[in-house]
Amino acid sequence: MLSKRALLLVAATLLALAAAEALLAVFGVAEPEPPIYPGERVAASAPSVDPLIGWKLPPSRSITETTPAYSVTYRSNRQGFRSRREFERPTRKRRVAFLGDSYTMGSGVEDDQTFAHLLQRRLRRTQSYNFGIGGFGIDQMWLTLRYYALPVDPDLVVLSFIRPNLRRARSAYRMGHDWLAKPAFRLDAGELVPMTLDNRPGALRRFAERHSRLVEIGRRIDYSLGRRLGFGYTWRLNRAIFERVRDDCRAAGVPLVVVHIPVNRRNPAPLFAREFADMGIPFLDLTPLLPAEADRLYHRLDPHLNAAGHRFVADRLAVFLVERGYARAANRPRSKAKRNVRGPTGVG
């Protein structure tokens, strides 16, 4: 039985927590943005639903997206990915499979302006397969690798991610987008397992995550420490998924390169280089390579890369791949002045 002093301590602690919650609510601080677990929403039904990876583009469609920043038409192939051609296995060119989210898919730019498409011009005899889909987390990129990218027998896999992708891996739905359901995973004794109704967090924890601002602050600290120092559940979960991506590529004999694309201009991520080196994954962080006027690489009213931003990614990635021996630079024809520098008589 608890002593009177212990009861007073518990009561005082609960009162302090309640006061803190009330104070945070009054000032509108730390509005909860919890993960959504299996069974907490009614999954939407749409032509884009894919039970293997969550969703794709509706197959064989042209979709126009108009925002205050841009108006762009996306064309999908029969497989439901952004391309004017089918992703067929036989080809004499080197096949590069690109995994990612809307930054890879190319939200806000035309088909031939995406960095995946531009790499075809910068690298010799290369065919790009763009498997990027808007709203994806690292978990969905891994599943796309398994079910769609590896079956086309690529010669190289390039996974590009932004920092918000790390949070998406904790949810079983695409939040705010008609609640499209997606596969989700959890760590169980360090092992990555599918999240289900049976092994999702308990009712008390889910209630606290939905309503407590203090819990939200703890979740944000977990996310911040994870990307800066490698601590916390969010990073450990995503690291386990990156390791699965690495292992699947190794098993298939396909080289893997991971690229970090900074969002909203500059976003230092000191953790990533160390962590990917520890995992044995070649890694390119574009943050320190941003030009002084980095704003020109993004849409003015939207955080996505504009056409200049995609050229920047393609240029830096091409240099990285050539220097590491994953590809050869495309031959550039010499200018007419250089070709004729010796003159018709052979005299300079």
Protein backbone atom coordinates (compact mmCIF):
# COMPACT_ATOMS: atom_id res chain seq x y z
CA MET A 1 0.00 0.00 0.00
CA LEU A 2 1.31 3.40 -0.96
CA SER A 3 2.31 5.75 1.82
CA LYS A 4 0.69 9.14 2.24
CA ARG A 5 3.87 10.82 0.98
CA ALA A 6 3.91 8.64 -2.14
CA LEU A 7 0.26 9.41 -2.84
CA LEU A 8 0.93 13.12 -2.53
CA LEU A 9 3.87 12.80 -4.91
CA VAL A 10 1.75 10.98 -7.50
CA ALA A 11 -1.05 13.52 -7.14
CA ALA A 12 1.37 16.43 -7.49
CA THR A 13 2.94 14.86 -10.58
CA LEU A 14 -0.44 14.31 -12.23
CA LEU A 15 -1.49 17.86 -11.39
CA ALA A 16 1.72 19.25 -12.88
CA LEU A 17 1.24 17.22 -16.07
CA ALA A 18 -2.37 18.40 -16.36
CA ALA A 19 -1.28 22.00 -15.87
CA ALA A 20 1.44 21.62 -18.52
CA GLU A 21 -1.06 20.13 -20.97
CA ALA A 22 -3.48 23.00 -20.32
CA LEU A 23 -0.77 25.60 -20.76
CA LEU A 24 0.39 24.06 -24.05
CA ALA A 25 -3.21 23.99 -25.28
CA VAL A 26 -3.79 27.64 -24.38
CA PHE A 27 -0.78 28.73 -26.42
CA GLY A 28 -1.48 26.26 -29.24
CA VAL A 29 1.87 24.51 -28.84
CA ALA A 30 2.60 20.96 -30.02
CA GLU A 31 -0.72 20.08 -31.61
CA PRO A 32 -0.66 16.24 -31.71
CA GLU A 33 0.22 14.72 -35.09
CA PRO A 34 0.24 11.05 -34.11
CA PRO A 35 0.96 8.03 -36.28
CA ILE A 36 -2.22 6.34 -37.47
CA TYR A 37 -2.19 2.63 -36.73
CA PRO A 38 -3.98 -0.27 -38.49
CA GLY A 39 -7.73 -0.20 -37.95
CA GLU A 40 -7.95 3.45 -36.88
CA ARG A 41 -9.37 4.70 -40.16
CA VAL A 42 -11.66 3.38 -42.87
CA ALA A 43 -9.34 2.85 -45.82
CA ALA A 44 -10.29 4.76 -48.94
CA SER A 45 -11.01 3.00 -52.21
CA ALA A 46 -9.41 4.48 -55.33
CA PRO A 47 -7.98 3.38 -58.70
CA SER A 48 -4.53 4.14 -57.31
CA VAL A 49 -4.75 1.65 -54.41
CA ASP A 50 -2.11 -1.07 -54.47
CA PRO A 51 -2.21 -3.58 -51.59
CA LEU A 52 1.48 -4.40 -52.02
CA ILE A 53 2.85 -0.87 -51.58
CA GLY A 54 -0.17 1.26 -50.61
CA TRP A 55 -0.85 3.27 -53.75
CA LYS A 56 0.53 4.24 -57.16
CA LEU A 57 -0.64 6.46 -59.97
CA PRO A 58 -3.82 5.24 -61.67
CA PRO A 59 -2.52 3.00 -64.50
CA SER A 60 -2.34 4.34 -68.07
CA ARG A 61 -3.70 7.76 -67.22
CA SER A 62 -2.87 11.42 -67.70
CA ILE A 63 -3.50 13.45 -64.54
CA THR A 64 -3.18 17.24 -64.37
CA GLU A 65 -2.24 18.77 -61.03
CA THR A 66 -2.82 22.51 -60.65
CA THR A 67 -1.56 24.43 -57.61
CA PRO A 68 -0.70 28.10 -56.99
CA ALA A 69 2.89 27.17 -57.88
CA TYR A 70 2.45 25.08 -61.05
CA SER A 71 0.20 23.15 -63.41
CA VAL A 72 1.67 19.85 -64.58
CA THR A 73 0.35 16.73 -66.30
CA TYR A 74 1.61 13.35 -65.08
CA ARG A 75 1.44 10.37 -67.44
CA SER A 76 1.49 6.86 -66.04
CA ASN A 77 2.26 3.52 -67.67
CA ARG A 78 0.39 0.26 -67.19
CA GLN A 79 2.39 -0.46 -64.04
CA GLY A 80 1.13 2.78 -62.44
CA PHE A 81 4.42 4.70 -62.41
CA ARG A 82 5.33 7.98 -64.08
CA SER A 83 6.49 7.08 -67.56
CA ARG A 84 5.34 7.28 -71.16
CA ARG A 85 6.59 3.74 -71.75
CA GLU A 86 6.24 0.42 -70.03
CA PHE A 87 8.90 -0.85 -67.66
CA GLU A 88 10.00 -3.87 -69.64
CA ARG A 89 12.92 -6.03 -68.74
CA PRO A 90 14.73 -6.55 -72.06
CA THR A 91 16.94 -3.63 -73.05
CA ARG A 92 20.51 -3.15 -74.23
CA LYS A 93 20.95 -0.14 -71.98
CA ARG A 94 21.91 -0.09 -68.32
CA ARG A 95 18.73 0.03 -66.28
CA VAL A 96 18.67 2.40 -63.30
CA ALA A 97 15.70 2.01 -60.94
CA PHE A 98 14.83 5.16 -58.98
CA LEU A 99 12.96 4.78 -55.70
CA GLY A 100 11.52 7.73 -53.82
CA ASP A 101 8.54 9.96 -53.16
CA SER A 102 7.14 13.04 -54.94
CA TYR A 103 10.62 14.57 -55.24
CA THR A 104 11.71 11.58 -57.31
CA MET A 105 8.42 11.27 -59.18
CA GLY A 106 8.77 14.94 -60.07
CA SER A 107 5.85 16.87 -58.56
CA GLY A 108 5.70 20.25 -60.25
CA VAL A 109 7.80 19.48 -63.34
CA GLU A 110 7.13 17.83 -66.69
CA ASP A 111 8.03 14.23 -67.49
CA ASP A 112 11.30 15.08 -69.25
CA GLN A 113 12.39 17.50 -66.50
CA THR A 114 12.71 14.97 -63.65
CA PHE A 115 16.22 14.14 -62.48
CA ALA A 116 15.56 10.48 -63.24
CA HIS A 117 14.89 11.35 -66.89
CA LEU A 118 17.80 13.80 -67.09
CA LEU A 119 20.26 11.13 -65.91
CA GLN A 120 19.65 9.31 -69.19
CA ARG A 121 21.32 12.20 -71.03
CA ARG A 122 24.21 12.52 -68.62
CA LEU A 123 25.14 8.83 -68.44
CA ARG A 124 26.15 6.58 -71.32
CA ARG A 125 23.61 4.02 -72.55
CA THR A 126 21.33 4.43 -69.53
CA GLN A 127 17.59 3.82 -69.22
CA SER A 128 15.83 5.27 -66.16
CA TYR A 129 12.87 3.59 -64.50
CA ASN A 130 11.14 6.10 -62.21
CA PHE A 131 9.39 4.24 -59.37
CA GLY A 132 8.89 7.38 -57.25
CA ILE A 133 5.37 7.93 -55.86
CA GLY A 134 4.11 10.94 -53.92
CA GLY A 135 3.62 10.51 -50.19
CA PHE A 136 5.83 7.44 -49.85
CA GLY A 137 7.81 6.54 -46.76
CA ILE A 138 11.03 4.53 -46.69
CA ASP A 139 8.99 1.39 -46.02
CA GLN A 140 7.03 1.81 -49.26
CA MET A 141 10.23 2.43 -51.20
CA TRP A 142 11.54 -0.88 -49.89
CA LEU A 143 8.35 -2.72 -50.88
CA THR A 144 8.44 -1.07 -54.33
CA LEU A 145 11.98 -2.39 -54.70
CA ARG A 146 10.83 -5.91 -53.90
CA TYR A 147 7.65 -6.08 -55.93
CA TYR A 148 8.33 -3.81 -58.89
CA ALA A 149 11.94 -2.63 -59.27
CA LEU A 150 13.96 -5.84 -58.80
CA PRO A 151 11.73 -7.83 -61.21
CA VAL A 152 12.89 -5.60 -64.10
CA ASP A 153 16.47 -6.72 -63.35
CA PRO A 154 18.06 -3.27 -62.83
CA ASP A 155 21.80 -2.67 -63.05
CA LEU A 156 21.67 0.00 -60.33
CA VAL A 157 19.16 1.14 -57.68
CA VAL A 158 19.07 4.77 -56.53
CA LEU A 159 16.90 5.52 -53.49
CA SER A 160 16.28 9.23 -52.87
CA PHE A 161 14.68 10.44 -49.67
CA ILE A 162 13.75 13.60 -47.81
CA ARG A 163 13.66 13.86 -44.03
CA PRO A 164 9.83 13.80 -43.71
CA ASN A 165 9.91 10.29 -45.23
CA LEU A 166 11.23 9.04 -41.90
CA ARG A 167 8.02 9.97 -40.08
CA ARG A 168 5.80 8.37 -42.70
CA ALA A 169 7.15 4.91 -41.91
CA ARG A 170 5.37 5.01 -38.53
CA SER A 171 1.87 5.37 -39.97
CA ALA A 172 -0.42 2.81 -41.63
CA TYR A 173 -2.22 5.47 -43.71
CA ARG A 174 -1.40 8.39 -45.93
CA MET A 175 -2.56 11.08 -43.58
CA GLY A 176 -4.73 13.83 -45.02
CA HIS A 177 -5.06 12.15 -48.41
CA ASP A 178 -8.37 10.25 -48.20
CA TRP A 179 -6.71 7.92 -45.68
CA LEU A 180 -5.19 5.57 -48.21
CA ALA A 181 -3.96 2.49 -46.35
CA LYS A 182 -0.33 1.40 -46.58
CA PRO A 183 1.75 -1.43 -45.14
CA ALA A 184 3.44 -0.47 -41.88
CA PHE A 185 6.13 -2.12 -39.78
CA ARG A 186 7.33 -2.11 -36.20
CA LEU A 187 10.43 -3.25 -34.38
CA ASP A 188 9.92 -6.28 -32.18
CA ALA A 189 13.04 -7.15 -30.18
CA GLY A 190 15.05 -5.43 -32.91
CA GLU A 191 13.37 -7.37 -35.71
CA LEU A 192 11.28 -5.67 -38.40
CA VAL A 193 7.76 -7.17 -38.49
CA PRO A 194 4.50 -6.10 -40.21
CA MET A 195 2.24 -4.04 -37.97
CA THR A 196 -1.25 -5.52 -37.52
CA LEU A 197 -4.34 -5.08 -35.37
CA ASP A 198 -2.85 -7.60 -32.98
CA ASN A 199 0.57 -6.03 -32.42
CA ARG A 200 -0.22 -2.31 -32.75
CA PRO A 201 0.29 -0.19 -29.58
CA GLY A 202 -2.28 -0.57 -26.82
CA ALA A 203 -5.40 1.56 -26.41
CA LEU A 204 -3.96 3.72 -23.61
CA ARG A 205 -0.85 4.62 -25.62
CA ARG A 206 -2.88 5.36 -28.75
CA PHE A 207 -5.20 7.64 -26.72
CA ALA A 208 -2.22 9.52 -25.27
CA GLU A 209 -0.65 9.94 -28.70
CA ARG A 210 -3.90 11.36 -30.11
CA HIS A 211 -4.58 13.83 -27.29
CA SER A 212 -1.42 14.63 -25.32
CA ARG A 213 0.74 17.56 -26.33
CA LEU A 214 3.46 16.40 -23.98
CA VAL A 215 3.57 13.07 -25.79
CA GLU A 216 3.77 15.01 -29.06
CA ILE A 217 6.77 16.94 -27.75
CA GLY A 218 8.39 13.64 -26.81
CA ARG A 219 7.76 12.31 -30.31
CA ARG A 220 9.32 15.40 -31.87
CA ILE A 221 12.36 15.07 -29.62
CA ASP A 222 12.64 11.43 -30.66
CA TYR A 223 12.57 12.44 -34.33
CA SER A 224 15.08 15.26 -33.84
CA LEU A 225 17.55 13.17 -31.84
CA GLY A 226 17.19 10.37 -34.34
CA ARG A 227 18.20 12.38 -37.36
CA ARG A 228 20.96 14.20 -35.48
CA LEU A 229 22.44 11.53 -33.24
CA GLY A 230 20.94 8.20 -34.27
CA PHE A 231 18.88 7.85 -31.09
CA GLY A 232 15.18 7.11 -30.80
CA TYR A 233 12.63 4.76 -32.23
CA THR A 234 11.89 6.64 -35.48
CA TRP A 235 15.45 6.41 -36.74
CA ARG A 236 15.95 2.83 -35.53
CA LEU A 237 12.83 1.78 -37.42
CA ASN A 238 13.95 3.49 -40.62
CA ARG A 239 17.50 2.22 -40.28
CA ALA A 240 16.13 -1.33 -40.11
CA ILE A 241 14.21 -0.65 -43.34
CA PHE A 242 17.28 0.79 -45.08
CA GLU A 243 19.14 -2.37 -44.07
CA ARG A 244 16.43 -4.47 -45.71
CA VAL A 245 16.80 -2.41 -48.89
CA ARG A 246 20.55 -3.01 -48.76
CA ASP A 247 20.16 -6.74 -48.15
CA ASP A 248 17.63 -7.20 -50.97
CA CYS A 249 19.92 -5.38 -53.42
CA ARG A 250 22.91 -7.46 -52.33
CA ALA A 251 20.94 -10.67 -52.70
CA ALA A 252 20.01 -9.63 -56.25
CA GLY A 253 23.58 -8.54 -57.04
CA VAL A 254 22.49 -4.95 -57.70
CA PRO A 255 24.49 -1.93 -56.45
CA LEU A 256 22.55 0.51 -54.23
CA VAL A 257 23.08 4.26 -53.83
CA VAL A 258 21.10 6.39 -51.35
CA VAL A 259 20.64 10.13 -51.89
CA HIS A 260 19.41 12.70 -49.35
CA ILE A 261 17.51 15.61 -50.94
CA PRO A 262 17.18 18.65 -48.64
CA VAL A 263 13.68 20.08 -48.25
CA ASN A 264 12.98 23.78 -48.02
CA ARG A 265 16.43 24.93 -48.98
CA ARG A 266 18.96 23.98 -46.30
CA ASN A 267 18.43 21.11 -43.87
CA PRO A 268 21.63 19.90 -42.20
CA ALA A 269 21.59 16.17 -41.52
CA PRO A 270 24.91 15.33 -39.84
CA LEU A 271 23.75 11.87 -38.81
CA PHE A 272 23.18 10.41 -42.24
CA ALA A 273 26.73 10.19 -43.59
CA ARG A 274 27.92 8.32 -40.51
CA GLU A 275 24.95 5.97 -40.38
CA PHE A 276 25.03 4.99 -44.06
CA ALA A 277 28.78 4.45 -43.89
CA ASP A 278 28.17 2.14 -40.94
CA MET A 279 25.54 0.26 -42.98
CA GLY A 280 27.92 -0.04 -45.93
CA ILE A 281 25.64 1.92 -48.27
CA PRO A 282 27.14 4.46 -50.71
CA PHE A 283 25.53 7.78 -49.77
CA LEU A 284 25.24 11.21 -51.39
CA ASP A 285 24.02 14.11 -49.24
CA LEU A 286 23.08 17.02 -51.48
CA THR A 287 22.77 19.52 -48.61
CA PRO A 288 26.41 20.71 -48.55
CA LEU A 289 26.39 20.90 -52.36
CA LEU A 290 23.54 23.41 -52.55
CA PRO A 291 24.48 26.68 -54.29
CA ALA A 292 24.53 29.96 -52.38
CA GLU A 293 21.18 30.91 -53.90
CA ALA A 294 19.49 27.61 -53.08
CA ASP A 295 15.99 29.14 -53.22
CA ARG A 296 16.12 29.13 -57.00
CA LEU A 297 16.02 25.31 -56.98
CA TYR A 298 12.52 25.17 -55.43
CA HIS A 299 9.09 26.40 -56.45
CA ARG A 300 8.42 29.76 -54.86
CA LEU A 301 5.11 28.67 -53.29
CA ASP A 302 5.87 24.98 -52.91
CA PRO A 303 8.69 23.00 -51.26
CA HIS A 304 9.22 20.70 -54.27
CA LEU A 305 12.12 21.03 -56.66
CA ASN A 306 11.52 23.04 -59.80
CA ALA A 307 13.16 22.29 -63.17
CA ALA A 308 16.42 23.93 -62.04
CA GLY A 309 16.35 21.83 -58.88
CA HIS A 310 16.00 18.62 -60.85
CA ARG A 311 18.91 19.66 -63.07
CA PHE A 312 20.97 20.28 -59.94
CA VAL A 313 20.20 16.80 -58.58
CA ALA A 314 20.89 15.16 -61.95
CA ASP A 315 24.23 16.96 -62.33
CA ARG A 316 25.47 16.10 -58.83
CA LEU A 317 24.22 12.54 -58.97
CA ALA A 318 25.80 11.95 -62.38
CA VAL A 319 29.19 13.10 -61.06
CA PHE A 320 28.83 10.85 -58.00
CA LEU A 321 27.89 7.78 -60.06
CA VAL A 322 30.73 8.30 -62.55
CA GLU A 323 33.33 8.93 -59.86
CA ARG A 324 32.24 5.80 -57.97
CA GLY A 325 32.33 3.69 -61.12
CA TYR A 326 28.61 2.94 -61.29
CA ALA A 327 28.21 4.55 -64.72
CA ARG A 328 30.10 6.24 -67.52
CA ALA A 329 29.52 9.82 -68.59
CA ALA A 330 27.75 10.33 -71.88
CA ASN A 331 29.99 11.38 -74.72
CA ARG A 332 29.62 15.07 -75.43
CA PRO A 333 30.25 16.14 -79.02
CA ARG A 334 33.08 18.60 -79.32
CA SER A 335 32.19 22.06 -80.48
CA LYS A 336 32.70 22.98 -84.10
CA ALA A 337 35.47 25.39 -83.10
CA LYS A 338 37.39 22.61 -81.38
CA ARG A 339 36.89 20.14 -84.23
CA ASN A 340 38.34 22.63 -86.73
CA VAL A 341 41.03 24.07 -84.50
CA ARG A 342 43.83 22.85 -86.81
CA GLY A 343 42.24 24.20 -89.97
CA PRO A 344 41.75 22.49 -93.36
CA THR A 345 45.48 22.28 -94.08
CA GLY A 346 46.37 20.70 -90.79
CA VAL A 347 48.22 23.83 -89.66
CA GLY A 348 47.11 25.33 -86.34
